[in-house]
Structure formats: C-alpha cells, structure tokens
N, C-alpha and C. Protein backbone atom coordinates (compact mmCIF):
# COMPACT_ATOMS: atom_id res chain seq x y z
N UNK A 1 0.84 -1.21 0.00
CA UNK A 1 0.00 0.00 0.00
C UNK A 1 0.86 1.24 0.00
N UNK A 2 1.96 1.23 0.77
CA UNK A 2 2.91 2.34 0.79
C UNK A 2 4.25 1.79 1.23
N UNK A 3 5.24 2.65 1.35
CA UNK A 3 6.59 2.18 1.68
C UNK A 3 6.66 1.61 3.08
N UNK A 4 5.69 1.94 3.94
CA UNK A 4 5.70 1.42 5.30
C UNK A 4 5.02 0.05 5.41
N UNK A 5 4.34 -0.37 4.34
CA UNK A 5 3.65 -1.66 4.38
C UNK A 5 4.66 -2.79 4.52
N UNK A 6 4.41 -3.68 5.47
CA UNK A 6 5.27 -4.85 5.66
C UNK A 6 4.49 -6.10 5.29
N UNK A 7 5.06 -6.89 4.41
CA UNK A 7 4.44 -8.14 4.00
C UNK A 7 5.07 -9.30 4.76
N UNK A 8 4.25 -10.28 5.10
CA UNK A 8 4.75 -11.41 5.88
C UNK A 8 3.87 -12.62 5.59
N UNK A 9 4.31 -13.79 6.04
CA UNK A 9 3.58 -15.03 5.86
C UNK A 9 3.17 -15.59 7.21
N UNK A 10 1.96 -16.18 7.26
CA UNK A 10 1.55 -16.94 8.43
C UNK A 10 1.16 -18.34 7.96
N UNK A 11 1.02 -19.25 8.89
CA UNK A 11 0.61 -20.61 8.56
C UNK A 11 -0.92 -20.69 8.55
N UNK A 12 -1.46 -21.20 7.46
CA UNK A 12 -2.89 -21.47 7.37
C UNK A 12 -3.12 -22.96 7.22
N UNK A 13 -4.37 -23.37 7.29
CA UNK A 13 -4.67 -24.80 7.21
C UNK A 13 -4.34 -25.39 5.85
N UNK A 14 -4.27 -24.55 4.80
CA UNK A 14 -3.92 -25.02 3.46
C UNK A 14 -2.50 -24.66 3.08
N UNK A 15 -1.73 -24.10 4.01
CA UNK A 15 -0.35 -23.70 3.74
C UNK A 15 -0.12 -22.24 4.06
N UNK A 16 1.04 -21.71 3.67
CA UNK A 16 1.37 -20.32 3.98
C UNK A 16 0.38 -19.34 3.38
N UNK A 17 0.15 -18.23 4.11
CA UNK A 17 -0.75 -17.18 3.66
C UNK A 17 -0.01 -15.86 3.64
N UNK A 18 -0.10 -15.15 2.53
CA UNK A 18 0.58 -13.87 2.36
C UNK A 18 -0.26 -12.76 2.98
N UNK A 19 0.36 -11.97 3.84
CA UNK A 19 -0.35 -10.90 4.56
C UNK A 19 0.41 -9.59 4.45
N UNK A 20 -0.24 -8.51 4.79
CA UNK A 20 0.38 -7.18 4.79
C UNK A 20 -0.14 -6.40 5.99
N UNK A 21 0.76 -5.67 6.63
CA UNK A 21 0.39 -4.89 7.81
C UNK A 21 0.82 -3.44 7.62
N UNK A 22 -0.03 -2.53 8.08
CA UNK A 22 0.29 -1.10 8.10
C UNK A 22 0.00 -0.58 9.50
N UNK A 23 0.90 0.26 10.01
CA UNK A 23 0.78 0.78 11.37
C UNK A 23 0.42 2.26 11.36
N UNK A 24 -0.34 2.70 12.34
CA UNK A 24 -0.65 4.13 12.44
C UNK A 24 0.58 4.92 12.84
N UNK A 25 0.53 6.21 12.60
CA UNK A 25 1.66 7.08 12.95
C UNK A 25 1.87 7.08 14.46
N UNK A 26 3.09 6.72 14.86
CA UNK A 26 3.40 6.62 16.29
C UNK A 26 3.30 7.99 16.97
N UNK A 27 3.62 9.06 16.22
CA UNK A 27 3.57 10.39 16.81
C UNK A 27 2.13 10.77 17.18
N UNK A 28 1.18 10.26 16.42
CA UNK A 28 -0.23 10.60 16.67
C UNK A 28 -0.90 9.58 17.58
N UNK A 29 -0.49 8.32 17.45
CA UNK A 29 -1.10 7.24 18.23
C UNK A 29 0.00 6.43 18.90
N UNK A 30 0.40 6.86 20.10
CA UNK A 30 1.43 6.14 20.84
C UNK A 30 0.97 4.72 21.14
N UNK A 31 -0.32 4.57 21.37
CA UNK A 31 -0.94 3.26 21.55
C UNK A 31 -1.98 3.10 20.46
N UNK A 32 -1.92 2.03 19.65
CA UNK A 32 -2.92 1.86 18.60
C UNK A 32 -4.33 1.82 19.16
N UNK A 33 -5.25 2.35 18.38
CA UNK A 33 -6.64 2.41 18.79
C UNK A 33 -7.34 1.06 18.72
N UNK A 34 -6.84 0.21 17.86
CA UNK A 34 -7.44 -1.11 17.70
C UNK A 34 -6.75 -1.87 16.58
N UNK A 35 -7.35 -2.98 16.23
CA UNK A 35 -6.82 -3.87 15.19
C UNK A 35 -7.90 -4.05 14.13
N UNK A 36 -7.58 -3.71 12.88
CA UNK A 36 -8.54 -3.81 11.79
C UNK A 36 -8.08 -4.86 10.78
N UNK A 37 -8.98 -5.78 10.44
CA UNK A 37 -8.73 -6.78 9.41
C UNK A 37 -9.59 -6.46 8.21
N UNK A 38 -8.99 -6.43 7.02
CA UNK A 38 -9.70 -6.08 5.80
C UNK A 38 -9.63 -7.25 4.83
N UNK A 39 -10.78 -7.64 4.28
CA UNK A 39 -10.87 -8.81 3.40
C UNK A 39 -11.19 -8.39 1.97
N UNK A 40 -10.56 -9.10 1.01
CA UNK A 40 -10.64 -8.70 -0.40
C UNK A 40 -11.74 -9.42 -1.18
N UNK A 41 -12.03 -8.96 -2.41
CA UNK A 41 -13.10 -9.56 -3.22
C UNK A 41 -12.71 -10.94 -3.78
N UNK A 42 -13.59 -11.49 -4.60
CA UNK A 42 -13.51 -12.88 -5.01
C UNK A 42 -12.20 -13.23 -5.72
N UNK A 43 -11.48 -14.24 -5.20
CA UNK A 43 -10.19 -14.62 -5.79
C UNK A 43 -10.28 -15.09 -7.24
N UNK A 44 -11.38 -15.70 -7.63
CA UNK A 44 -11.48 -16.24 -8.99
C UNK A 44 -11.81 -15.17 -10.02
N UNK A 45 -12.05 -13.96 -9.55
CA UNK A 45 -12.35 -12.84 -10.46
C UNK A 45 -11.36 -11.69 -10.26
N UNK A 46 -10.13 -12.05 -9.89
CA UNK A 46 -9.06 -11.06 -9.79
C UNK A 46 -8.93 -10.37 -8.45
N UNK A 47 -9.67 -10.80 -7.44
CA UNK A 47 -9.60 -10.16 -6.14
C UNK A 47 -8.29 -10.45 -5.41
N UNK A 48 -7.67 -9.40 -4.90
CA UNK A 48 -6.45 -9.53 -4.10
C UNK A 48 -6.48 -8.50 -2.97
N UNK A 49 -5.50 -8.64 -2.07
CA UNK A 49 -5.44 -7.69 -0.96
C UNK A 49 -4.97 -6.31 -1.42
N UNK A 50 -4.55 -6.19 -2.69
CA UNK A 50 -4.15 -4.90 -3.23
C UNK A 50 -5.26 -4.24 -4.05
N UNK A 51 -6.45 -4.81 -4.01
CA UNK A 51 -7.61 -4.19 -4.64
C UNK A 51 -7.80 -2.77 -4.11
N UNK A 52 -8.24 -1.86 -4.97
CA UNK A 52 -8.29 -0.44 -4.60
C UNK A 52 -9.31 -0.15 -3.50
N UNK A 53 -10.41 -0.90 -3.46
CA UNK A 53 -11.36 -0.69 -2.37
C UNK A 53 -10.77 -1.19 -1.06
N UNK A 54 -10.09 -2.31 -1.12
CA UNK A 54 -9.45 -2.88 0.08
C UNK A 54 -8.38 -1.93 0.61
N UNK A 55 -7.54 -1.41 -0.26
CA UNK A 55 -6.49 -0.51 0.21
C UNK A 55 -7.07 0.82 0.69
N UNK A 56 -8.20 1.24 0.10
CA UNK A 56 -8.86 2.45 0.62
C UNK A 56 -9.34 2.22 2.04
N UNK A 57 -9.97 1.08 2.29
CA UNK A 57 -10.40 0.75 3.65
C UNK A 57 -9.20 0.67 4.59
N UNK A 58 -8.12 0.05 4.12
CA UNK A 58 -6.93 -0.08 4.97
C UNK A 58 -6.36 1.29 5.32
N UNK A 59 -6.23 2.16 4.34
CA UNK A 59 -5.72 3.51 4.60
C UNK A 59 -6.62 4.25 5.59
N UNK A 60 -7.90 4.06 5.44
CA UNK A 60 -8.85 4.74 6.33
C UNK A 60 -8.62 4.32 7.77
N UNK A 61 -8.46 3.04 8.02
CA UNK A 61 -8.28 2.57 9.39
C UNK A 61 -6.91 2.91 9.94
N UNK A 62 -5.89 2.90 9.10
CA UNK A 62 -4.57 3.36 9.56
C UNK A 62 -4.68 4.81 10.01
N UNK A 63 -5.38 5.63 9.22
CA UNK A 63 -5.55 7.03 9.57
C UNK A 63 -6.35 7.24 10.85
N UNK A 64 -7.22 6.27 11.16
CA UNK A 64 -8.00 6.35 12.40
C UNK A 64 -7.23 5.78 13.60
N UNK A 65 -6.04 5.29 13.36
CA UNK A 65 -5.20 4.83 14.47
C UNK A 65 -5.18 3.34 14.69
N UNK A 66 -5.61 2.56 13.70
CA UNK A 66 -5.68 1.11 13.85
C UNK A 66 -4.49 0.42 13.19
N UNK A 67 -3.95 -0.59 13.87
CA UNK A 67 -3.07 -1.54 13.21
C UNK A 67 -3.93 -2.27 12.19
N UNK A 68 -3.54 -2.21 10.93
CA UNK A 68 -4.41 -2.71 9.86
C UNK A 68 -3.72 -3.81 9.08
N UNK A 69 -4.42 -4.94 8.92
CA UNK A 69 -3.85 -6.09 8.21
C UNK A 69 -4.79 -6.56 7.12
N UNK A 70 -4.17 -7.05 6.04
CA UNK A 70 -4.88 -7.65 4.92
C UNK A 70 -4.21 -8.99 4.63
N UNK A 71 -4.89 -9.83 3.91
CA UNK A 71 -4.26 -11.08 3.49
C UNK A 71 -4.77 -11.46 2.10
N UNK A 72 -3.94 -12.17 1.36
CA UNK A 72 -4.39 -12.79 0.13
C UNK A 72 -5.02 -14.13 0.49
N UNK A 73 -6.27 -14.30 0.08
CA UNK A 73 -6.93 -15.58 0.35
C UNK A 73 -6.18 -16.71 -0.35
N UNK A 74 -6.41 -17.92 0.11
CA UNK A 74 -5.74 -19.09 -0.44
C UNK A 74 -5.85 -19.13 -1.97
N UNK A 75 -4.70 -19.40 -2.59
CA UNK A 75 -4.62 -19.45 -4.04
C UNK A 75 -4.33 -18.13 -4.71
N UNK A 76 -4.17 -17.06 -3.94
CA UNK A 76 -3.90 -15.74 -4.49
C UNK A 76 -2.49 -15.30 -4.09
N UNK A 77 -1.73 -14.73 -5.04
CA UNK A 77 -0.38 -14.27 -4.72
C UNK A 77 0.48 -15.40 -4.19
N UNK A 78 1.09 -15.17 -3.04
CA UNK A 78 1.94 -16.18 -2.43
C UNK A 78 1.19 -17.09 -1.45
N UNK A 79 -0.12 -16.95 -1.37
CA UNK A 79 -0.90 -17.79 -0.47
C UNK A 79 -1.16 -19.15 -1.10
N UNK A 80 -0.90 -20.19 -0.34
CA UNK A 80 -1.08 -21.56 -0.84
C UNK A 80 -2.55 -21.95 -0.83
N UNK A 81 -2.85 -23.09 -1.48
CA UNK A 81 -4.19 -23.63 -1.45
C UNK A 81 -5.03 -23.21 -2.63
N UNK A 82 -6.32 -23.52 -2.57
CA UNK A 82 -7.25 -23.22 -3.65
C UNK A 82 -8.53 -22.63 -3.05
N UNK A 83 -9.24 -21.90 -3.87
CA UNK A 83 -10.47 -21.25 -3.44
C UNK A 83 -11.42 -22.26 -2.80
N UNK A 84 -12.05 -21.87 -1.66
CA UNK A 84 -12.88 -22.81 -0.91
C UNK A 84 -14.27 -22.23 -0.62
N UNK A 85 -14.72 -21.32 -1.48
CA UNK A 85 -16.09 -20.81 -1.43
C UNK A 85 -16.47 -20.19 -0.08
N UNK A 86 -15.47 -19.64 0.60
CA UNK A 86 -15.73 -18.92 1.85
C UNK A 86 -15.45 -19.71 3.10
N UNK A 87 -15.47 -21.03 3.00
CA UNK A 87 -15.25 -21.85 4.21
C UNK A 87 -13.79 -21.75 4.67
N UNK A 88 -12.87 -22.16 3.81
CA UNK A 88 -11.46 -22.08 4.16
C UNK A 88 -10.98 -20.66 4.33
N UNK A 89 -11.57 -19.73 3.56
CA UNK A 89 -11.18 -18.33 3.68
C UNK A 89 -11.53 -17.77 5.06
N UNK A 90 -12.66 -18.20 5.60
CA UNK A 90 -13.02 -17.79 6.96
C UNK A 90 -12.03 -18.36 7.97
N UNK A 91 -11.65 -19.61 7.77
CA UNK A 91 -10.63 -20.22 8.64
C UNK A 91 -9.33 -19.44 8.57
N UNK A 92 -8.96 -19.03 7.35
CA UNK A 92 -7.71 -18.30 7.18
C UNK A 92 -7.75 -16.93 7.85
N UNK A 93 -8.89 -16.25 7.72
CA UNK A 93 -9.02 -14.94 8.37
C UNK A 93 -8.99 -15.10 9.88
N UNK A 94 -9.57 -16.18 10.39
CA UNK A 94 -9.50 -16.45 11.82
C UNK A 94 -8.07 -16.72 12.26
N UNK A 95 -7.29 -17.39 11.41
CA UNK A 95 -5.88 -17.63 11.72
C UNK A 95 -5.10 -16.33 11.78
N UNK A 96 -5.42 -15.42 10.85
CA UNK A 96 -4.75 -14.11 10.86
C UNK A 96 -5.11 -13.35 12.13
N UNK A 97 -6.37 -13.40 12.51
CA UNK A 97 -6.79 -12.71 13.73
C UNK A 97 -6.06 -13.27 14.95
N UNK A 98 -5.96 -14.59 15.04
CA UNK A 98 -5.25 -15.21 16.16
C UNK A 98 -3.79 -14.76 16.18
N UNK A 99 -3.17 -14.75 15.01
CA UNK A 99 -1.78 -14.31 14.91
C UNK A 99 -1.62 -12.87 15.37
N UNK A 100 -2.50 -12.00 14.92
CA UNK A 100 -2.37 -10.58 15.25
C UNK A 100 -2.70 -10.32 16.72
N UNK A 101 -3.64 -11.07 17.27
CA UNK A 101 -3.99 -10.86 18.68
C UNK A 101 -2.83 -11.29 19.59
N UNK A 102 -2.00 -12.21 19.13
CA UNK A 102 -0.83 -12.58 19.94
C UNK A 102 0.20 -11.46 19.94
N UNK A 103 0.27 -10.71 18.83
CA UNK A 103 1.21 -9.57 18.75
C UNK A 103 0.62 -8.30 19.37
N UNK A 104 -0.69 -8.16 19.30
CA UNK A 104 -1.37 -6.96 19.81
C UNK A 104 -2.53 -7.37 20.71
N UNK A 105 -2.25 -7.93 21.85
CA UNK A 105 -3.32 -8.44 22.72
C UNK A 105 -4.17 -7.30 23.30
N UNK A 106 -5.45 -7.59 23.44
CA UNK A 106 -6.33 -6.66 24.12
C UNK A 106 -6.89 -5.53 23.29
N UNK A 107 -6.47 -5.41 22.03
CA UNK A 107 -6.98 -4.31 21.20
C UNK A 107 -8.38 -4.62 20.68
N UNK A 108 -9.25 -3.61 20.61
CA UNK A 108 -10.55 -3.81 19.97
C UNK A 108 -10.37 -4.26 18.52
N UNK A 109 -11.31 -5.05 18.02
CA UNK A 109 -11.20 -5.64 16.69
C UNK A 109 -12.25 -5.04 15.77
N UNK A 110 -11.81 -4.64 14.58
CA UNK A 110 -12.70 -4.18 13.52
C UNK A 110 -12.57 -5.13 12.34
N UNK A 111 -13.70 -5.51 11.76
CA UNK A 111 -13.71 -6.35 10.57
C UNK A 111 -14.29 -5.55 9.41
N UNK A 112 -13.56 -5.50 8.31
CA UNK A 112 -14.01 -4.77 7.13
C UNK A 112 -13.80 -5.64 5.90
N UNK A 113 -14.62 -5.43 4.88
CA UNK A 113 -14.46 -6.22 3.68
C UNK A 113 -15.16 -5.59 2.50
N UNK A 114 -14.79 -6.10 1.32
CA UNK A 114 -15.39 -5.65 0.07
C UNK A 114 -15.87 -6.88 -0.71
N UNK A 115 -17.12 -6.85 -1.16
CA UNK A 115 -17.70 -7.89 -2.01
C UNK A 115 -17.59 -9.27 -1.35
N UNK A 116 -16.93 -10.24 -1.97
CA UNK A 116 -16.77 -11.56 -1.37
C UNK A 116 -16.19 -11.45 0.04
N UNK A 117 -15.33 -10.47 0.26
CA UNK A 117 -14.74 -10.27 1.57
C UNK A 117 -15.76 -9.95 2.65
N UNK A 118 -16.91 -9.37 2.26
CA UNK A 118 -17.96 -9.10 3.25
C UNK A 118 -18.57 -10.41 3.75
N UNK A 119 -18.70 -11.37 2.85
CA UNK A 119 -19.21 -12.69 3.21
C UNK A 119 -18.29 -13.37 4.22
N UNK A 120 -16.99 -13.32 3.94
CA UNK A 120 -16.00 -13.92 4.84
C UNK A 120 -16.03 -13.25 6.21
N UNK A 121 -16.06 -11.92 6.23
CA UNK A 121 -16.02 -11.21 7.51
C UNK A 121 -17.30 -11.41 8.31
N UNK A 122 -18.44 -11.49 7.63
CA UNK A 122 -19.69 -11.75 8.35
C UNK A 122 -19.67 -13.16 8.95
N UNK A 123 -19.10 -14.11 8.23
CA UNK A 123 -18.96 -15.48 8.77
C UNK A 123 -18.01 -15.49 9.97
N UNK A 124 -16.92 -14.73 9.87
CA UNK A 124 -15.98 -14.67 10.98
C UNK A 124 -16.63 -14.03 12.20
N UNK A 125 -17.37 -12.95 11.99
CA UNK A 125 -18.05 -12.29 13.11
C UNK A 125 -19.04 -13.25 13.77
N UNK A 126 -19.75 -14.01 12.97
CA UNK A 126 -20.70 -14.99 13.50
C UNK A 126 -19.96 -16.03 14.35
N UNK A 127 -18.81 -16.47 13.87
CA UNK A 127 -18.02 -17.45 14.61
C UNK A 127 -17.52 -16.87 15.93
N UNK A 128 -17.03 -15.64 15.88
CA UNK A 128 -16.53 -15.00 17.10
C UNK A 128 -17.66 -14.82 18.11
N UNK A 129 -18.84 -14.41 17.64
CA UNK A 129 -19.97 -14.22 18.54
C UNK A 129 -20.35 -15.53 19.22
N UNK A 130 -20.28 -16.63 18.49
CA UNK A 130 -20.59 -17.94 19.07
C UNK A 130 -19.58 -18.32 20.15
N UNK A 131 -18.38 -17.74 20.06
CA UNK A 131 -17.33 -17.99 21.05
C UNK A 131 -17.37 -16.98 22.19
N UNK A 132 -18.36 -16.08 22.15
CA UNK A 132 -18.48 -15.07 23.19
C UNK A 132 -17.57 -13.87 23.00
N UNK A 133 -17.04 -13.71 21.77
CA UNK A 133 -16.15 -12.59 21.47
C UNK A 133 -16.88 -11.57 20.61
N UNK A 134 -16.71 -10.31 20.93
CA UNK A 134 -17.38 -9.26 20.17
C UNK A 134 -16.36 -8.44 19.40
N UNK A 135 -16.83 -7.82 18.32
CA UNK A 135 -15.99 -6.91 17.56
C UNK A 135 -16.44 -5.48 17.84
N UNK A 136 -15.53 -4.56 17.69
CA UNK A 136 -15.88 -3.16 17.93
C UNK A 136 -16.90 -2.68 16.90
N UNK A 137 -16.65 -3.02 15.63
CA UNK A 137 -17.57 -2.59 14.57
C UNK A 137 -17.18 -3.28 13.27
N UNK A 138 -18.10 -3.27 12.32
CA UNK A 138 -17.84 -3.81 10.99
C UNK A 138 -18.11 -2.74 9.94
N UNK A 139 -17.36 -2.81 8.83
CA UNK A 139 -17.60 -1.95 7.68
C UNK A 139 -17.63 -2.85 6.44
N UNK A 140 -18.77 -2.86 5.75
CA UNK A 140 -18.94 -3.71 4.59
C UNK A 140 -19.27 -2.86 3.37
N UNK A 141 -18.45 -2.99 2.34
CA UNK A 141 -18.64 -2.25 1.09
C UNK A 141 -19.00 -3.24 -0.01
N UNK A 142 -20.07 -2.96 -0.74
CA UNK A 142 -20.48 -3.89 -1.77
C UNK A 142 -20.87 -5.25 -1.20
N UNK A 143 -21.68 -5.23 -0.15
CA UNK A 143 -22.03 -6.45 0.57
C UNK A 143 -22.59 -7.51 -0.38
N UNK A 144 -22.09 -8.74 -0.23
CA UNK A 144 -22.36 -9.81 -1.20
C UNK A 144 -23.69 -10.51 -0.95
N UNK A 145 -24.68 -9.80 -0.50
CA UNK A 145 -26.00 -10.37 -0.22
C UNK A 145 -26.63 -10.90 -1.50
N UNK A 146 -27.22 -12.10 -1.41
CA UNK A 146 -27.86 -12.69 -2.56
C UNK A 146 -26.92 -13.50 -3.43
N UNK A 147 -25.63 -13.17 -3.36
CA UNK A 147 -24.63 -13.92 -4.12
C UNK A 147 -24.07 -15.04 -3.28
N UNK A 148 -23.90 -14.78 -1.99
CA UNK A 148 -23.51 -15.78 -1.01
C UNK A 148 -24.40 -15.62 0.21
N UNK A 149 -24.54 -16.66 1.03
CA UNK A 149 -25.41 -16.58 2.21
C UNK A 149 -24.76 -15.78 3.34
N UNK A 150 -24.80 -14.47 3.22
CA UNK A 150 -24.16 -13.60 4.20
C UNK A 150 -24.96 -13.65 5.51
N UNK A 151 -24.31 -14.02 6.62
CA UNK A 151 -25.03 -14.06 7.90
C UNK A 151 -25.42 -12.66 8.37
N UNK A 152 -26.33 -12.58 9.32
CA UNK A 152 -26.66 -11.28 9.92
C UNK A 152 -25.43 -10.68 10.59
N UNK A 153 -25.41 -9.36 10.68
CA UNK A 153 -24.28 -8.65 11.27
C UNK A 153 -24.79 -7.71 12.36
N UNK A 154 -23.89 -7.19 13.21
CA UNK A 154 -24.32 -6.29 14.29
C UNK A 154 -25.04 -5.05 13.75
N UNK A 155 -25.90 -4.49 14.58
CA UNK A 155 -26.77 -3.39 14.15
C UNK A 155 -26.02 -2.10 13.86
N UNK A 156 -24.79 -1.97 14.38
CA UNK A 156 -24.04 -0.74 14.12
C UNK A 156 -23.08 -0.88 12.94
N UNK A 157 -23.22 -1.96 12.18
CA UNK A 157 -22.37 -2.16 11.01
C UNK A 157 -22.60 -1.04 9.99
N UNK A 158 -21.52 -0.56 9.41
CA UNK A 158 -21.60 0.45 8.35
C UNK A 158 -21.67 -0.28 7.01
N UNK A 159 -22.79 -0.10 6.30
CA UNK A 159 -22.99 -0.73 4.99
C UNK A 159 -22.97 0.34 3.92
N UNK A 160 -22.07 0.18 2.94
CA UNK A 160 -21.94 1.15 1.86
C UNK A 160 -22.12 0.40 0.54
N UNK A 161 -23.00 0.91 -0.32
CA UNK A 161 -23.28 0.20 -1.57
C UNK A 161 -23.48 1.19 -2.71
N UNK A 162 -23.15 0.77 -3.91
CA UNK A 162 -23.32 1.61 -5.08
C UNK A 162 -24.71 1.49 -5.68
N UNK A 163 -25.28 2.61 -6.04
CA UNK A 163 -26.62 2.63 -6.62
C UNK A 163 -26.69 1.79 -7.89
N UNK A 164 -25.64 1.85 -8.71
CA UNK A 164 -25.64 1.19 -10.00
C UNK A 164 -24.79 -0.09 -10.00
N UNK A 165 -24.69 -0.75 -8.86
CA UNK A 165 -23.95 -2.00 -8.76
C UNK A 165 -24.69 -3.09 -9.54
N UNK A 166 -24.09 -3.57 -10.64
CA UNK A 166 -24.74 -4.63 -11.41
C UNK A 166 -24.14 -6.00 -11.12
N UNK A 167 -23.18 -6.06 -10.19
CA UNK A 167 -22.64 -7.34 -9.74
C UNK A 167 -23.46 -7.86 -8.57
N UNK A 168 -23.72 -6.99 -7.60
CA UNK A 168 -24.59 -7.30 -6.46
C UNK A 168 -25.64 -6.19 -6.42
N UNK A 169 -26.79 -6.41 -7.02
CA UNK A 169 -27.80 -5.35 -7.10
C UNK A 169 -28.19 -4.80 -5.73
N UNK A 170 -28.42 -3.52 -5.70
CA UNK A 170 -28.81 -2.86 -4.46
C UNK A 170 -30.05 -3.51 -3.85
N UNK A 171 -30.98 -3.96 -4.68
CA UNK A 171 -32.18 -4.60 -4.15
C UNK A 171 -31.85 -5.83 -3.31
N UNK A 172 -30.80 -6.57 -3.70
CA UNK A 172 -30.38 -7.74 -2.91
C UNK A 172 -29.94 -7.33 -1.52
N UNK A 173 -29.20 -6.25 -1.45
CA UNK A 173 -28.68 -5.77 -0.17
C UNK A 173 -29.82 -5.26 0.70
N UNK A 174 -30.75 -4.53 0.10
CA UNK A 174 -31.89 -4.03 0.87
C UNK A 174 -32.75 -5.18 1.39
N UNK A 175 -32.94 -6.20 0.57
CA UNK A 175 -33.73 -7.36 1.01
C UNK A 175 -33.05 -8.07 2.18
N UNK A 176 -31.71 -8.11 2.17
CA UNK A 176 -30.94 -8.72 3.25
C UNK A 176 -30.94 -7.85 4.50
N UNK A 177 -30.83 -6.54 4.31
CA UNK A 177 -30.71 -5.62 5.44
C UNK A 177 -32.06 -5.35 6.11
N UNK A 178 -33.14 -5.42 5.35
CA UNK A 178 -34.45 -5.04 5.88
C UNK A 178 -34.87 -5.83 7.12
N UNK A 179 -34.77 -7.15 7.13
CA UNK A 179 -35.17 -7.89 8.33
C UNK A 179 -34.29 -7.60 9.54
N UNK A 180 -33.08 -7.10 9.28
CA UNK A 180 -32.17 -6.77 10.38
C UNK A 180 -32.32 -5.32 10.83
N UNK A 181 -33.16 -4.56 10.11
CA UNK A 181 -33.33 -3.13 10.38
C UNK A 181 -32.00 -2.40 10.31
N UNK A 182 -31.21 -2.74 9.26
CA UNK A 182 -29.89 -2.14 9.07
C UNK A 182 -29.96 -1.03 8.03
N UNK A 183 -29.50 0.17 8.34
CA UNK A 183 -29.42 1.22 7.33
C UNK A 183 -28.35 0.87 6.28
N UNK A 184 -28.60 1.26 5.05
CA UNK A 184 -27.64 1.08 3.96
C UNK A 184 -27.34 2.45 3.36
N UNK A 185 -26.08 2.79 3.30
CA UNK A 185 -25.67 4.05 2.69
C UNK A 185 -25.48 3.81 1.19
N UNK A 186 -26.24 4.51 0.37
CA UNK A 186 -26.20 4.33 -1.08
C UNK A 186 -25.46 5.50 -1.72
N UNK A 187 -24.45 5.18 -2.52
CA UNK A 187 -23.71 6.22 -3.23
C UNK A 187 -24.29 6.34 -4.63
N UNK A 188 -24.91 7.48 -4.96
CA UNK A 188 -25.55 7.64 -6.28
C UNK A 188 -24.54 7.52 -7.41
N UNK A 189 -24.96 6.86 -8.48
CA UNK A 189 -24.12 6.76 -9.67
C UNK A 189 -22.90 5.88 -9.51
N UNK A 190 -22.86 5.08 -8.47
CA UNK A 190 -21.67 4.29 -8.14
C UNK A 190 -21.84 2.84 -8.59
N UNK A 191 -20.79 2.27 -9.20
CA UNK A 191 -20.83 0.87 -9.62
C UNK A 191 -20.25 -0.02 -8.52
N UNK A 192 -20.12 -1.30 -8.82
CA UNK A 192 -19.67 -2.26 -7.81
C UNK A 192 -18.26 -1.96 -7.32
N UNK A 193 -17.41 -1.47 -8.22
CA UNK A 193 -16.00 -1.28 -7.88
C UNK A 193 -15.69 0.13 -7.37
N UNK A 194 -16.73 0.91 -7.15
CA UNK A 194 -16.57 2.26 -6.60
C UNK A 194 -15.63 3.12 -7.45
N UNK A 195 -15.69 2.91 -8.76
CA UNK A 195 -14.86 3.71 -9.66
C UNK A 195 -15.18 5.19 -9.51
N UNK A 196 -14.14 5.99 -9.28
CA UNK A 196 -14.22 7.44 -9.09
C UNK A 196 -15.06 7.83 -7.87
N UNK A 197 -15.33 6.87 -6.99
CA UNK A 197 -16.13 7.13 -5.79
C UNK A 197 -15.42 6.67 -4.51
N UNK A 198 -14.16 6.30 -4.63
CA UNK A 198 -13.46 5.74 -3.47
C UNK A 198 -13.41 6.70 -2.29
N UNK A 199 -13.33 8.00 -2.59
CA UNK A 199 -13.21 8.98 -1.51
C UNK A 199 -14.43 8.94 -0.60
N UNK A 200 -15.59 8.53 -1.15
CA UNK A 200 -16.80 8.46 -0.32
C UNK A 200 -16.67 7.40 0.76
N UNK A 201 -16.00 6.29 0.44
CA UNK A 201 -15.82 5.24 1.45
C UNK A 201 -15.05 5.80 2.63
N UNK A 202 -13.92 6.41 2.34
CA UNK A 202 -13.09 6.97 3.43
C UNK A 202 -13.86 8.04 4.20
N UNK A 203 -14.47 8.96 3.50
CA UNK A 203 -15.15 10.06 4.18
C UNK A 203 -16.29 9.56 5.05
N UNK A 204 -17.06 8.60 4.56
CA UNK A 204 -18.20 8.09 5.32
C UNK A 204 -17.74 7.38 6.59
N UNK A 205 -16.72 6.54 6.46
CA UNK A 205 -16.25 5.81 7.63
C UNK A 205 -15.69 6.77 8.67
N UNK A 206 -14.88 7.71 8.24
CA UNK A 206 -14.29 8.67 9.18
C UNK A 206 -15.39 9.47 9.88
N UNK A 207 -16.37 9.92 9.13
CA UNK A 207 -17.44 10.74 9.70
C UNK A 207 -18.31 9.95 10.69
N UNK A 208 -18.48 8.65 10.43
CA UNK A 208 -19.38 7.85 11.25
C UNK A 208 -18.67 7.12 12.39
N UNK A 209 -17.33 7.22 12.42
CA UNK A 209 -16.60 6.46 13.43
C UNK A 209 -16.77 7.05 14.82
N UNK A 210 -16.75 6.19 15.79
CA UNK A 210 -16.90 6.64 17.18
C UNK A 210 -15.62 7.31 17.67
N UNK A 211 -15.77 8.36 18.43
CA UNK A 211 -14.61 9.00 19.06
C UNK A 211 -14.20 8.20 20.30
C-alpha cells in the first residue's frame, strides 16, 4: 500500500498465507486504537489484498489509528491452497486474527471487507460471537448479499453500496438488510467497484466512526 507496508507469511490450514500490515503514525497514536482486518473480493475474479477498495479501507483505518492487516486468500499471490467458497477463507481470516492478537493483545477488533470479503467477515463475526467474542464494529462495502449466504451482522455495522452495482444489485442488499433493520448508505451513480467514488468510502467511515 505504501513504503511502510510490511508483507509477511503466516501458517494457514492449506499452507502459507501472504499478509500485509500497516501501522498508524506513532507520533499521533502512541498506543494503537485497535486492530482492523480487511478482506478482499472474489479470488477467482481477480480479487487480491491490493484491490483499490481494500487498500482504501486499509488507509482509512490506519488514519484512524488502527493496526491494519490484509491477506491474500488461499490461491492468491503467495498464499497456498485453492479457493474454498468462503469456508477455508473464513478459517484463514480467523488464523490471521489469532496471529495478530498474539502480537497486539487486548486491542478492539474491527472487521471490514469488500464484495466476497464481506461474506467472509460476516462469517468470521458470526463465529466469534458464538465464542463469546465481540468486535468493535464492521464496515462492509459492496455487501455480497444474494450472491452468497451472508449471515446477519451487528446493528451498528456500516454498509456502503453503489446505486448502480450490477454485480450485487442494491435490491439484494436491501432485502438482506431489511429484516435486520440495518441502514444502507447508497452512493448515487456508483458501480460495484466504486470507480471514481473511493473517496466516499473513506469520508463516510471517518465521519461515522466513534470518538
């Protein structure tokens, strides 16, 4: 993402997983505000941890004072294994969380994702909740409702979607969000990949974040 980004490998159930970490400015945040994990879009359609929506989310959380990590899902970049339709990817994201919590114990956890990554993060949040663990908040962009069985998410989740998304139609997201009484932030004229609209993601998250 920038010259300060450090790439590293962790062990996953299907082999090594390629990850990247960015740290907040020490001068501004002597103690990190929390730990943010960001998940990328579908691996079989070119999704990687260097996707522009993913890096926008990562930059946003670094700017908010969070230790921010991304990973290439299995079969992408230097990550071993093959695509597992969200099952193995959730296991891998859980492995990354365990690894990061050992390095940064006690920090609040934020889960963020784009497209397929929203499905993985919602599954991870569901798993953590079943274990009695809570996350500080979630941010989902281009939520994959209707394309994958996205579990319910906490009521304070920030949902951002493009009005003209033809990959995951807005109606799918509204149908998923309605029973949960979840607000959806719609960006007018925006497609699935947030082309020329990335600044809205950063601005919305920063404006809505808790002090």
